[in-house]
Structure formats: C-alpha cells, structure tokens
Amino acid sequence: MKSIEQLLDGITSVVKTVMVALTFVIFFITIFTVFTRYILNFVPSWSEEIPRYLLVWITYLGAALAVKFKEHISLDVFFNLMPVRARQVGHLFLNGLIAIVALIMVVYGVALLGQFGDDLMESIPVRNFYLYLAMPLSGLLMLLYLIQDTLKGIFGLGQVQDVESSDMVPI
C-alpha cells in the first residue's frame, strides 16, 4: 500500500508540474500575441487555438487533482452535521458516485479518441488525439485517486475518529 501511495504522489507531482508549465505557456503565448498584434500588426493563426487547448488540459488535470485533494463540489455544512461513522460511509458513497463519472469519462473519452482522434486541429497540423486524450487520462487519474482514498476509507471505517481530528469544516 505504501508503494502505491508513493507512486500516486509521484504522479500528482508530475501533474502539478505539467499544469504549471501549461499555465506558463498560455501566459507567454498571450504576451507574444499582444506584442505581435499591437507592435507588428500581425496575429499568428495558432495564437488563440493553442491556449484554448492547453486550458482544456489544465481543466481536466485540475479536476483529477480536485478529486485527489477532496476539493470537488460537496455540501460540507450538511455533511459535517452527520455523526463521524455516517460521514465515513457517506464519504465512501460519494467516492462511488465520483467513480461512476470518472468511468464515464474514460469510456466516452476513449470512444471520442477513436472517432475524432485522427482529425486535424483548426490552424495547426496536429491531430485532435492530443486534445481528446485529456478526458480519458483525467478519468483514469480520478479512478486511481478514488481507489487510493476508498481503500484508506475502508481500512479506517471501523476506527471512530474524535471530532478534533476529523476533516470537519467549521460552520
């Protein structure tokens, strides 16, 4: 179990680094585009498309990290009013629901890759495969993070935590 956690922590570090790098690329393309538009009176045709596609990647990778760090949408106020044991079971139930969404992302993302992956992007000669790969990869990462969290939750299900050490959000 410890080696799996280390592997997932390594993957998380890589995902964070990729997201920061993509953000910097978007920033530099935007600065370059402003320069070329207002100084050189010329706009490269790819200057809108590439940042848009990079933003898609950042969004999907960010969704996976939101699952990892439990930052996805939830109703913390109601969840924290529940007893600790009910919170633990509810947490596992929510993991199951999120896993269904992640599985849909993987299945339909792979289908999207198969159907449209060979098409070319609008302004650059690159296949859409690289754009559409974001969805199934994000779903796969979500599933891995959910499996890790669910196993922790199952092993800790019998242990009753005191209110001080639980993940309660102050009301």
N, C-alpha and C. Protein backbone atom coordinates (compact mmCIF):
# COMPACT_ATOMS: atom_id res chain seq x y z
N MET A 1 0.83 -1.20 0.00
CA MET A 1 0.00 0.00 0.00
C MET A 1 0.88 1.26 0.00
N LYS A 2 1.98 1.21 0.73
CA LYS A 2 2.87 2.37 0.82
C LYS A 2 3.49 2.69 -0.54
N SER A 3 3.86 1.66 -1.30
CA SER A 3 4.47 1.90 -2.61
C SER A 3 3.46 2.48 -3.60
N ILE A 4 2.20 2.08 -3.48
CA ILE A 4 1.16 2.64 -4.35
C ILE A 4 0.96 4.12 -4.02
N GLU A 5 0.99 4.45 -2.73
CA GLU A 5 0.85 5.85 -2.33
C GLU A 5 2.01 6.68 -2.84
N GLN A 6 3.21 6.13 -2.78
CA GLN A 6 4.37 6.85 -3.29
C GLN A 6 4.26 7.06 -4.80
N LEU A 7 3.79 6.04 -5.51
CA LEU A 7 3.61 6.16 -6.95
C LEU A 7 2.59 7.24 -7.28
N LEU A 8 1.46 7.23 -6.57
CA LEU A 8 0.43 8.23 -6.82
C LEU A 8 0.90 9.63 -6.42
N ASP A 9 1.71 9.73 -5.38
CA ASP A 9 2.28 11.03 -5.01
C ASP A 9 3.22 11.53 -6.11
N GLY A 10 3.98 10.62 -6.70
CA GLY A 10 4.85 11.00 -7.83
C GLY A 10 4.04 11.46 -9.02
N ILE A 11 2.96 10.73 -9.32
CA ILE A 11 2.09 11.13 -10.42
C ILE A 11 1.47 12.50 -10.14
N THR A 12 1.07 12.73 -8.91
CA THR A 12 0.50 14.02 -8.53
C THR A 12 1.51 15.14 -8.73
N SER A 13 2.75 14.91 -8.37
CA SER A 13 3.79 15.93 -8.57
C SER A 13 3.98 16.22 -10.05
N VAL A 14 3.98 15.19 -10.87
CA VAL A 14 4.12 15.38 -12.32
C VAL A 14 2.93 16.17 -12.86
N VAL A 15 1.72 15.83 -12.42
CA VAL A 15 0.52 16.53 -12.90
C VAL A 15 0.57 18.00 -12.50
N LYS A 16 0.98 18.29 -11.27
CA LYS A 16 1.09 19.68 -10.84
C LYS A 16 2.12 20.44 -11.68
N THR A 17 3.25 19.81 -11.93
CA THR A 17 4.30 20.44 -12.73
C THR A 17 3.82 20.70 -14.15
N VAL A 18 3.13 19.73 -14.74
CA VAL A 18 2.60 19.91 -16.09
C VAL A 18 1.60 21.05 -16.12
N MET A 19 0.75 21.13 -15.11
CA MET A 19 -0.25 22.20 -15.08
C MET A 19 0.41 23.57 -14.97
N VAL A 20 1.44 23.69 -14.15
CA VAL A 20 2.15 24.96 -14.03
C VAL A 20 2.84 25.31 -15.35
N ALA A 21 3.46 24.32 -15.98
CA ALA A 21 4.13 24.55 -17.26
C ALA A 21 3.13 24.99 -18.32
N LEU A 22 1.97 24.34 -18.38
CA LEU A 22 0.95 24.73 -19.35
C LEU A 22 0.45 26.15 -19.10
N THR A 23 0.35 26.51 -17.83
CA THR A 23 -0.08 27.87 -17.49
C THR A 23 0.94 28.89 -17.97
N PHE A 24 2.22 28.59 -17.78
CA PHE A 24 3.27 29.49 -18.26
C PHE A 24 3.25 29.60 -19.79
N VAL A 25 3.01 28.48 -20.47
CA VAL A 25 2.94 28.51 -21.93
C VAL A 25 1.79 29.40 -22.38
N ILE A 26 0.64 29.27 -21.73
CA ILE A 26 -0.50 30.14 -22.07
C ILE A 26 -0.13 31.60 -21.84
N PHE A 27 0.52 31.88 -20.73
CA PHE A 27 0.93 33.24 -20.41
C PHE A 27 1.86 33.81 -21.49
N PHE A 28 2.88 33.04 -21.87
CA PHE A 28 3.84 33.53 -22.86
C PHE A 28 3.22 33.66 -24.25
N ILE A 29 2.32 32.75 -24.61
CA ILE A 29 1.65 32.89 -25.91
C ILE A 29 0.77 34.14 -25.91
N THR A 30 0.12 34.42 -24.81
CA THR A 30 -0.72 35.61 -24.72
C THR A 30 0.12 36.88 -24.83
N ILE A 31 1.24 36.92 -24.12
CA ILE A 31 2.14 38.08 -24.21
C ILE A 31 2.67 38.24 -25.64
N PHE A 32 3.07 37.11 -26.24
CA PHE A 32 3.57 37.14 -27.62
C PHE A 32 2.50 37.64 -28.58
N THR A 33 1.27 37.20 -28.38
CA THR A 33 0.17 37.61 -29.26
C THR A 33 -0.12 39.10 -29.12
N VAL A 34 -0.10 39.59 -27.89
CA VAL A 34 -0.32 41.03 -27.69
C VAL A 34 0.79 41.82 -28.37
N PHE A 35 2.02 41.36 -28.23
CA PHE A 35 3.15 42.03 -28.87
C PHE A 35 2.99 42.05 -30.39
N THR A 36 2.70 40.88 -30.95
CA THR A 36 2.59 40.82 -32.42
C THR A 36 1.38 41.60 -32.93
N ARG A 37 0.31 41.62 -32.16
CA ARG A 37 -0.90 42.33 -32.61
C ARG A 37 -0.69 43.84 -32.60
N TYR A 38 -0.13 44.37 -31.53
CA TYR A 38 -0.05 45.82 -31.38
C TYR A 38 1.25 46.43 -31.87
N ILE A 39 2.31 45.65 -31.93
CA ILE A 39 3.59 46.19 -32.40
C ILE A 39 3.83 45.83 -33.86
N LEU A 40 3.62 44.58 -34.23
CA LEU A 40 3.90 44.12 -35.58
C LEU A 40 2.66 44.12 -36.48
N ASN A 41 1.50 44.38 -35.89
CA ASN A 41 0.23 44.38 -36.63
C ASN A 41 -0.02 43.05 -37.34
N PHE A 42 0.27 41.97 -36.63
CA PHE A 42 0.13 40.62 -37.18
C PHE A 42 -0.26 39.69 -36.04
N VAL A 43 -1.20 38.79 -36.29
CA VAL A 43 -1.62 37.82 -35.28
C VAL A 43 -1.43 36.42 -35.85
N PRO A 44 -0.62 35.60 -35.20
CA PRO A 44 -0.46 34.21 -35.67
C PRO A 44 -1.79 33.46 -35.58
N SER A 45 -2.05 32.62 -36.55
CA SER A 45 -3.34 31.92 -36.58
C SER A 45 -3.50 30.94 -35.43
N TRP A 46 -2.42 30.46 -34.87
CA TRP A 46 -2.47 29.47 -33.81
C TRP A 46 -2.55 30.09 -32.41
N SER A 47 -2.46 31.42 -32.33
CA SER A 47 -2.34 32.07 -31.02
C SER A 47 -3.60 32.01 -30.17
N GLU A 48 -4.72 31.71 -30.77
CA GLU A 48 -5.95 31.53 -29.99
C GLU A 48 -6.21 30.05 -29.71
N GLU A 49 -5.90 29.22 -30.68
CA GLU A 49 -6.23 27.80 -30.57
C GLU A 49 -5.38 27.07 -29.54
N ILE A 50 -4.10 27.29 -29.54
CA ILE A 50 -3.23 26.56 -28.62
C ILE A 50 -3.54 26.88 -27.16
N PRO A 51 -3.68 28.15 -26.76
CA PRO A 51 -4.05 28.41 -25.36
C PRO A 51 -5.39 27.78 -24.97
N ARG A 52 -6.33 27.76 -25.91
CA ARG A 52 -7.63 27.14 -25.62
C ARG A 52 -7.47 25.65 -25.32
N TYR A 53 -6.66 24.96 -26.13
CA TYR A 53 -6.44 23.54 -25.93
C TYR A 53 -5.64 23.27 -24.65
N LEU A 54 -4.70 24.13 -24.36
CA LEU A 54 -3.93 23.97 -23.12
C LEU A 54 -4.83 24.19 -21.91
N LEU A 55 -5.78 25.12 -22.03
CA LEU A 55 -6.72 25.35 -20.94
C LEU A 55 -7.62 24.13 -20.72
N VAL A 56 -7.97 23.44 -21.79
CA VAL A 56 -8.74 22.20 -21.66
C VAL A 56 -7.93 21.19 -20.84
N TRP A 57 -6.65 21.04 -21.16
CA TRP A 57 -5.79 20.12 -20.41
C TRP A 57 -5.68 20.52 -18.94
N ILE A 58 -5.49 21.81 -18.68
CA ILE A 58 -5.39 22.29 -17.29
C ILE A 58 -6.68 21.99 -16.54
N THR A 59 -7.81 22.17 -17.19
CA THR A 59 -9.10 21.93 -16.55
C THR A 59 -9.28 20.46 -16.20
N TYR A 60 -8.99 19.57 -17.14
CA TYR A 60 -9.15 18.14 -16.86
C TYR A 60 -8.16 17.64 -15.81
N LEU A 61 -6.91 18.08 -15.90
CA LEU A 61 -5.94 17.66 -14.89
C LEU A 61 -6.29 18.25 -13.53
N GLY A 62 -6.80 19.47 -13.53
CA GLY A 62 -7.24 20.08 -12.28
C GLY A 62 -8.42 19.35 -11.66
N ALA A 63 -9.30 18.83 -12.49
CA ALA A 63 -10.43 18.05 -11.97
C ALA A 63 -9.93 16.79 -11.27
N ALA A 64 -8.91 16.15 -11.85
CA ALA A 64 -8.34 14.96 -11.22
C ALA A 64 -7.69 15.33 -9.89
N LEU A 65 -6.97 16.44 -9.85
CA LEU A 65 -6.35 16.86 -8.59
C LEU A 65 -7.39 17.28 -7.55
N ALA A 66 -8.52 17.81 -8.02
CA ALA A 66 -9.61 18.15 -7.09
C ALA A 66 -10.13 16.89 -6.40
N VAL A 67 -10.17 15.79 -7.13
CA VAL A 67 -10.58 14.52 -6.52
C VAL A 67 -9.52 14.06 -5.54
N LYS A 68 -8.26 14.19 -5.91
CA LYS A 68 -7.16 13.75 -5.05
C LYS A 68 -7.19 14.49 -3.71
N PHE A 69 -7.38 15.80 -3.76
CA PHE A 69 -7.33 16.61 -2.55
C PHE A 69 -8.71 16.89 -1.96
N LYS A 70 -9.72 16.18 -2.44
CA LYS A 70 -11.10 16.31 -1.95
C LYS A 70 -11.59 17.76 -2.02
N GLU A 71 -11.33 18.39 -3.14
CA GLU A 71 -11.73 19.77 -3.34
C GLU A 71 -12.90 19.88 -4.32
N HIS A 72 -13.50 18.76 -4.66
CA HIS A 72 -14.63 18.78 -5.58
C HIS A 72 -15.86 19.33 -4.86
N ILE A 73 -16.90 19.58 -5.62
CA ILE A 73 -18.11 20.17 -5.06
C ILE A 73 -18.72 19.21 -4.04
N SER A 74 -19.05 19.75 -2.88
CA SER A 74 -19.71 18.95 -1.85
C SER A 74 -20.51 19.88 -0.95
N LEU A 75 -21.37 19.30 -0.18
CA LEU A 75 -22.18 20.06 0.77
C LEU A 75 -21.61 19.85 2.16
N ASP A 76 -20.51 20.52 2.45
CA ASP A 76 -19.79 20.31 3.70
C ASP A 76 -20.62 20.63 4.94
N VAL A 77 -21.47 21.63 4.85
CA VAL A 77 -22.26 22.03 6.03
C VAL A 77 -23.13 20.86 6.49
N PHE A 78 -23.85 20.24 5.56
CA PHE A 78 -24.72 19.13 5.92
C PHE A 78 -23.90 17.88 6.26
N PHE A 79 -22.84 17.67 5.52
CA PHE A 79 -22.00 16.50 5.73
C PHE A 79 -21.36 16.53 7.12
N ASN A 80 -20.95 17.70 7.57
CA ASN A 80 -20.30 17.83 8.87
C ASN A 80 -21.27 17.74 10.04
N LEU A 81 -22.55 17.88 9.78
CA LEU A 81 -23.54 17.73 10.84
C LEU A 81 -23.82 16.26 11.16
N MET A 82 -23.38 15.38 10.27
CA MET A 82 -23.62 13.95 10.46
C MET A 82 -22.64 13.39 11.49
N PRO A 83 -23.01 12.29 12.15
CA PRO A 83 -22.06 11.63 13.05
C PRO A 83 -20.84 11.12 12.25
N VAL A 84 -19.74 10.90 12.95
CA VAL A 84 -18.48 10.52 12.30
C VAL A 84 -18.65 9.26 11.46
N ARG A 85 -19.29 8.25 12.00
CA ARG A 85 -19.47 6.98 11.29
C ARG A 85 -20.29 7.18 10.01
N ALA A 86 -21.34 7.98 10.08
CA ALA A 86 -22.18 8.25 8.91
C ALA A 86 -21.39 9.05 7.87
N ARG A 87 -20.52 9.96 8.34
CA ARG A 87 -19.66 10.70 7.42
C ARG A 87 -18.72 9.78 6.67
N GLN A 88 -18.17 8.78 7.39
CA GLN A 88 -17.26 7.83 6.75
C GLN A 88 -17.97 7.03 5.66
N VAL A 89 -19.16 6.55 5.97
CA VAL A 89 -19.93 5.79 4.99
C VAL A 89 -20.37 6.70 3.83
N GLY A 90 -20.80 7.91 4.16
CA GLY A 90 -21.18 8.86 3.12
C GLY A 90 -20.02 9.21 2.21
N HIS A 91 -18.84 9.30 2.79
CA HIS A 91 -17.64 9.58 2.00
C HIS A 91 -17.38 8.46 0.99
N LEU A 92 -17.54 7.23 1.43
CA LEU A 92 -17.36 6.09 0.51
C LEU A 92 -18.43 6.10 -0.58
N PHE A 93 -19.66 6.46 -0.22
CA PHE A 93 -20.74 6.55 -1.19
C PHE A 93 -20.44 7.63 -2.24
N LEU A 94 -19.97 8.79 -1.78
CA LEU A 94 -19.62 9.86 -2.71
C LEU A 94 -18.47 9.45 -3.62
N ASN A 95 -17.50 8.71 -3.06
CA ASN A 95 -16.41 8.20 -3.90
C ASN A 95 -16.97 7.31 -5.01
N GLY A 96 -17.97 6.52 -4.68
CA GLY A 96 -18.59 5.66 -5.69
C GLY A 96 -19.26 6.47 -6.79
N LEU A 97 -19.95 7.53 -6.41
CA LEU A 97 -20.60 8.38 -7.41
C LEU A 97 -19.58 9.07 -8.31
N ILE A 98 -18.52 9.57 -7.70
CA ILE A 98 -17.47 10.23 -8.48
C ILE A 98 -16.78 9.20 -9.39
N ALA A 99 -16.63 7.97 -8.91
CA ALA A 99 -16.02 6.92 -9.72
C ALA A 99 -16.86 6.62 -10.96
N ILE A 100 -18.18 6.69 -10.82
CA ILE A 100 -19.05 6.48 -11.98
C ILE A 100 -18.80 7.56 -13.02
N VAL A 101 -18.69 8.81 -12.58
CA VAL A 101 -18.41 9.91 -13.51
C VAL A 101 -17.04 9.71 -14.15
N ALA A 102 -16.04 9.32 -13.36
CA ALA A 102 -14.69 9.10 -13.89
C ALA A 102 -14.69 7.96 -14.91
N LEU A 103 -15.44 6.91 -14.62
CA LEU A 103 -15.52 5.78 -15.55
C LEU A 103 -16.19 6.21 -16.86
N ILE A 104 -17.21 7.03 -16.77
CA ILE A 104 -17.86 7.57 -17.97
C ILE A 104 -16.86 8.40 -18.77
N MET A 105 -16.04 9.18 -18.08
CA MET A 105 -15.02 9.98 -18.76
C MET A 105 -14.04 9.09 -19.51
N VAL A 106 -13.64 7.99 -18.88
CA VAL A 106 -12.68 7.08 -19.52
C VAL A 106 -13.33 6.42 -20.74
N VAL A 107 -14.51 5.85 -20.56
CA VAL A 107 -15.16 5.11 -21.65
C VAL A 107 -15.48 6.02 -22.82
N TYR A 108 -16.14 7.13 -22.56
CA TYR A 108 -16.52 8.02 -23.65
C TYR A 108 -15.31 8.79 -24.19
N GLY A 109 -14.32 9.04 -23.36
CA GLY A 109 -13.09 9.68 -23.84
C GLY A 109 -12.35 8.80 -24.82
N VAL A 110 -12.28 7.50 -24.53
CA VAL A 110 -11.64 6.57 -25.46
C VAL A 110 -12.44 6.49 -26.75
N ALA A 111 -13.77 6.49 -26.64
CA ALA A 111 -14.62 6.48 -27.85
C ALA A 111 -14.41 7.76 -28.67
N LEU A 112 -14.28 8.89 -27.99
CA LEU A 112 -14.03 10.15 -28.67
C LEU A 112 -12.69 10.12 -29.39
N LEU A 113 -11.68 9.55 -28.73
CA LEU A 113 -10.37 9.39 -29.37
C LEU A 113 -10.47 8.55 -30.63
N GLY A 114 -11.20 7.45 -30.54
CA GLY A 114 -11.34 6.57 -31.69
C GLY A 114 -12.08 7.21 -32.85
N GLN A 115 -13.08 8.03 -32.52
CA GLN A 115 -13.91 8.60 -33.57
C GLN A 115 -13.30 9.86 -34.19
N PHE A 116 -12.70 10.72 -33.36
CA PHE A 116 -12.24 12.01 -33.86
C PHE A 116 -10.74 12.25 -33.66
N GLY A 117 -10.03 11.29 -33.14
CA GLY A 117 -8.61 11.47 -32.85
C GLY A 117 -7.74 11.73 -34.06
N ASP A 118 -8.13 11.25 -35.20
CA ASP A 118 -7.32 11.43 -36.41
C ASP A 118 -7.58 12.75 -37.13
N ASP A 119 -8.62 13.48 -36.73
CA ASP A 119 -8.90 14.78 -37.35
C ASP A 119 -7.79 15.76 -36.97
N LEU A 120 -7.57 16.73 -37.84
CA LEU A 120 -6.56 17.76 -37.57
C LEU A 120 -7.19 18.94 -36.85
N MET A 121 -6.37 19.61 -36.04
CA MET A 121 -6.82 20.83 -35.38
C MET A 121 -7.04 21.91 -36.42
N GLU A 122 -7.70 22.99 -36.02
CA GLU A 122 -8.11 24.02 -36.97
C GLU A 122 -6.95 24.72 -37.66
N SER A 123 -5.98 25.19 -36.91
CA SER A 123 -4.96 26.05 -37.51
C SER A 123 -3.55 25.47 -37.46
N ILE A 124 -3.38 24.33 -36.83
CA ILE A 124 -2.05 23.72 -36.78
C ILE A 124 -2.17 22.26 -37.23
N PRO A 125 -1.13 21.75 -37.86
CA PRO A 125 -1.21 20.37 -38.38
C PRO A 125 -0.92 19.33 -37.30
N VAL A 126 -1.74 19.29 -36.27
CA VAL A 126 -1.62 18.34 -35.18
C VAL A 126 -2.96 17.63 -35.04
N ARG A 127 -2.91 16.33 -34.79
CA ARG A 127 -4.15 15.56 -34.65
C ARG A 127 -4.87 15.91 -33.35
N ASN A 128 -6.18 15.83 -33.40
CA ASN A 128 -7.00 16.10 -32.21
C ASN A 128 -6.81 15.05 -31.12
N PHE A 129 -6.12 13.98 -31.43
CA PHE A 129 -5.85 12.93 -30.45
C PHE A 129 -5.28 13.52 -29.17
N TYR A 130 -4.36 14.47 -29.32
CA TYR A 130 -3.68 15.05 -28.16
C TYR A 130 -4.61 15.93 -27.33
N LEU A 131 -5.60 16.51 -27.95
CA LEU A 131 -6.59 17.29 -27.21
C LEU A 131 -7.55 16.36 -26.49
N TYR A 132 -8.08 15.37 -27.21
CA TYR A 132 -9.10 14.49 -26.65
C TYR A 132 -8.54 13.50 -25.64
N LEU A 133 -7.24 13.34 -25.60
CA LEU A 133 -6.61 12.45 -24.63
C LEU A 133 -6.79 12.95 -23.20
N ALA A 134 -7.04 14.24 -23.04
CA ALA A 134 -7.17 14.83 -21.70
C ALA A 134 -8.32 14.20 -20.92
N MET A 135 -9.44 13.93 -21.58
CA MET A 135 -10.61 13.41 -20.86
C MET A 135 -10.40 12.00 -20.31
N PRO A 136 -10.01 11.02 -21.11
CA PRO A 136 -9.82 9.70 -20.51
C PRO A 136 -8.65 9.64 -19.53
N LEU A 137 -7.61 10.42 -19.78
CA LEU A 137 -6.49 10.44 -18.84
C LEU A 137 -6.91 11.01 -17.49
N SER A 138 -7.69 12.08 -17.52
CA SER A 138 -8.20 12.66 -16.29
C SER A 138 -9.12 11.68 -15.56
N GLY A 139 -9.98 11.00 -16.29
CA GLY A 139 -10.85 10.00 -15.67
C GLY A 139 -10.06 8.87 -15.04
N LEU A 140 -9.00 8.44 -15.71
CA LEU A 140 -8.14 7.39 -15.17
C LEU A 140 -7.45 7.85 -13.89
N LEU A 141 -6.93 9.07 -13.90
CA LEU A 141 -6.31 9.61 -12.69
C LEU A 141 -7.32 9.70 -11.55
N MET A 142 -8.53 10.14 -11.87
CA MET A 142 -9.58 10.21 -10.85
C MET A 142 -9.84 8.83 -10.24
N LEU A 143 -9.92 7.82 -11.11
CA LEU A 143 -10.17 6.46 -10.62
C LEU A 143 -9.03 5.99 -9.72
N LEU A 144 -7.80 6.27 -10.10
CA LEU A 144 -6.66 5.87 -9.26
C LEU A 144 -6.72 6.56 -7.90
N TYR A 145 -6.99 7.87 -7.91
CA TYR A 145 -7.08 8.61 -6.65
C TYR A 145 -8.25 8.12 -5.80
N LEU A 146 -9.36 7.79 -6.46
CA LEU A 146 -10.53 7.29 -5.72
C LEU A 146 -10.27 5.92 -5.12
N ILE A 147 -9.58 5.07 -5.85
CA ILE A 147 -9.24 3.74 -5.31
C ILE A 147 -8.37 3.91 -4.07
N GLN A 148 -7.37 4.78 -4.16
CA GLN A 148 -6.50 5.03 -3.02
C GLN A 148 -7.30 5.54 -1.82
N ASP A 149 -8.15 6.52 -2.05
CA ASP A 149 -8.93 7.10 -0.96
C ASP A 149 -9.95 6.12 -0.41
N THR A 150 -10.56 5.33 -1.28
CA THR A 150 -11.56 4.36 -0.83
C THR A 150 -10.91 3.27 0.01
N LEU A 151 -9.74 2.81 -0.40
CA LEU A 151 -9.05 1.81 0.42
C LEU A 151 -8.69 2.36 1.79
N LYS A 152 -8.26 3.61 1.83
CA LYS A 152 -7.99 4.25 3.13
C LYS A 152 -9.27 4.33 3.95
N GLY A 153 -10.37 4.68 3.28
CA GLY A 153 -11.65 4.80 3.98
C GLY A 153 -12.16 3.47 4.49
N ILE A 154 -11.98 2.40 3.70
CA ILE A 154 -12.43 1.08 4.13
C ILE A 154 -11.61 0.58 5.31
N PHE A 155 -10.30 0.77 5.23
CA PHE A 155 -9.44 0.32 6.34
C PHE A 155 -9.67 1.14 7.60
N GLY A 156 -10.10 2.40 7.43
CA GLY A 156 -10.35 3.24 8.58
C GLY A 156 -11.80 3.28 9.01
N LEU A 157 -12.65 2.47 8.37
CA LEU A 157 -14.08 2.53 8.64
C LEU A 157 -14.42 2.12 10.06
N GLY A 158 -13.73 1.15 10.60
CA GLY A 158 -14.02 0.70 11.94
C GLY A 158 -13.47 1.60 13.02
N GLN A 159 -12.57 2.49 12.64
CA GLN A 159 -11.95 3.38 13.62
C GLN A 159 -12.79 4.64 13.75
N VAL A 160 -13.22 4.91 14.95
CA VAL A 160 -14.01 6.11 15.17
C VAL A 160 -13.04 7.23 15.52
N GLN A 161 -13.12 8.31 14.74
CA GLN A 161 -12.25 9.45 14.98
C GLN A 161 -12.94 10.42 15.93
N ASP A 162 -12.14 11.12 16.71
CA ASP A 162 -12.74 12.16 17.52
C ASP A 162 -12.94 13.39 16.64
N VAL A 163 -13.83 14.25 17.08
CA VAL A 163 -14.23 15.38 16.27
C VAL A 163 -13.06 16.30 15.96
N GLU A 164 -12.09 16.40 16.86
CA GLU A 164 -10.95 17.29 16.66
C GLU A 164 -10.12 16.88 15.45
N SER A 165 -9.92 15.56 15.23
CA SER A 165 -9.02 15.11 14.18
C SER A 165 -9.73 14.82 12.85
N SER A 166 -11.04 14.97 12.82
CA SER A 166 -11.75 14.68 11.57
C SER A 166 -11.58 15.84 10.60
N ASP A 167 -12.03 15.64 9.39
CA ASP A 167 -11.90 16.66 8.35
C ASP A 167 -13.09 17.61 8.37
N MET A 168 -13.55 18.00 9.53
CA MET A 168 -14.71 18.89 9.61
C MET A 168 -14.37 20.28 9.13
N VAL A 169 -15.34 20.87 8.47
CA VAL A 169 -15.22 22.25 8.06
C VAL A 169 -16.00 23.07 9.08
N PRO A 170 -15.40 24.13 9.62
CA PRO A 170 -16.13 24.93 10.62
C PRO A 170 -17.40 25.54 10.04
N ILE A 171 -18.43 25.56 10.84
CA ILE A 171 -19.72 26.11 10.39
C ILE A 171 -19.83 27.55 10.87
